[in-house]
Amino acid sequence: MEEATFTEFRNHARRYFDKVAQGETIRIYRNGRPIGDLVPVPARRPAWKNPPGVHLELKGLRLGDEIVSDRDKGR
């Protein structure tokens, strides 16, 4: 983790934001005390791209399979 004083951060913000965009974390100090961490936002996948963890079933029928079946029938 890189560290910077508030003044350094203010004067070179672009450089620090570029480092954060590359995945680094920057700790900012003011008067010798840490006041915050500048951290990258984690990459997120849309929920619909995640593999299903639980299959919904109703009376032995898997809901996902039924939806796909209904879509195929409509073609």
Protein backbone atom coordinates (compact mmCIF):
# COMPACT_ATOMS: atom_id res chain seq x y z
CA MET A 1 0.00 0.00 0.00
CA GLU A 2 1.35 3.35 -0.99
CA GLU A 3 1.11 6.32 1.38
CA ALA A 4 0.80 10.03 0.66
CA THR A 5 0.32 13.19 2.63
CA PHE A 6 -2.78 15.22 1.92
CA THR A 7 -0.66 17.89 0.23
CA GLU A 8 1.09 15.33 -2.00
CA PHE A 9 -2.25 13.81 -2.91
CA ARG A 10 -3.77 17.21 -3.70
CA ASN A 11 -0.81 18.23 -5.85
CA HIS A 12 -0.54 14.91 -7.72
CA ALA A 13 -4.10 13.58 -7.64
CA ARG A 14 -4.03 12.36 -11.24
CA ARG A 15 -1.00 10.17 -10.59
CA TYR A 16 -2.62 8.65 -7.49
CA PHE A 17 -5.94 8.05 -9.28
CA ASP A 18 -4.04 6.33 -12.10
CA LYS A 19 -2.43 3.98 -9.56
CA VAL A 20 -5.80 3.23 -7.98
CA ALA A 21 -7.23 2.50 -11.43
CA GLN A 22 -4.44 -0.09 -11.80
CA GLY A 23 -5.54 -1.79 -8.56
CA GLU A 24 -3.35 -0.13 -5.91
CA THR A 25 -4.58 1.25 -2.59
CA ILE A 26 -3.36 4.64 -1.39
CA ARG A 27 -3.47 5.69 2.28
CA ILE A 28 -3.82 9.44 2.76
CA TYR A 29 -2.35 11.20 5.82
CA ARG A 30 -3.06 14.66 7.23
CA ASN A 31 -0.90 16.04 10.02
CA GLY A 32 0.75 12.63 10.36
CA ARG A 33 -2.52 10.76 10.94
CA PRO A 34 -4.24 8.50 8.45
CA ILE A 35 -7.53 10.00 7.28
CA GLY A 36 -8.57 7.55 4.59
CA ASP A 37 -7.76 4.94 2.02
CA LEU A 38 -8.29 5.42 -1.69
CA VAL A 39 -9.23 1.96 -2.97
CA PRO A 40 -10.22 0.63 -6.39
CA VAL A 41 -13.82 -0.32 -6.98
CA PRO A 42 -14.01 -4.10 -7.38
CA ALA A 43 -14.97 -5.32 -10.82
CA ARG A 44 -18.49 -6.68 -10.77
CA ARG A 45 -20.19 -9.04 -13.13
CA PRO A 46 -23.88 -8.59 -13.78
CA ALA A 47 -25.89 -11.04 -11.70
CA TRP A 48 -27.32 -12.68 -14.80
CA LYS A 49 -23.81 -13.77 -15.87
CA ASN A 50 -23.14 -15.62 -12.61
CA PRO A 51 -23.82 -19.34 -12.68
CA PRO A 52 -26.91 -20.26 -10.70
CA GLY A 53 -26.13 -21.52 -7.22
CA VAL A 54 -29.59 -22.85 -6.49
CA HIS A 55 -32.07 -24.42 -8.85
CA LEU A 56 -35.67 -23.57 -8.12
CA GLU A 57 -37.89 -26.63 -8.27
CA LEU A 58 -41.64 -26.98 -8.13
CA LYS A 59 -43.09 -30.49 -7.90
CA GLY A 60 -39.95 -32.01 -9.40
CA LEU A 61 -39.77 -29.51 -12.27
CA ARG A 62 -36.76 -27.22 -12.46
CA LEU A 63 -37.91 -23.69 -13.14
CA GLY A 64 -34.97 -22.82 -15.39
CA ASP A 65 -35.56 -25.89 -17.55
CA GLU A 66 -39.24 -25.01 -17.89
CA ILE A 67 -38.47 -21.46 -18.98
CA VAL A 68 -36.04 -22.69 -21.63
CA SER A 69 -38.60 -25.27 -22.78
CA ASP A 70 -41.30 -22.60 -23.12
CA ARG A 71 -38.94 -20.40 -25.12
CA ASP A 72 -38.12 -23.26 -27.48
CA LYS A 73 -41.83 -23.96 -28.04
CA GLY A 74 -42.44 -20.37 -29.08
CA ARG A 75 -40.05 -20.59 -32.06
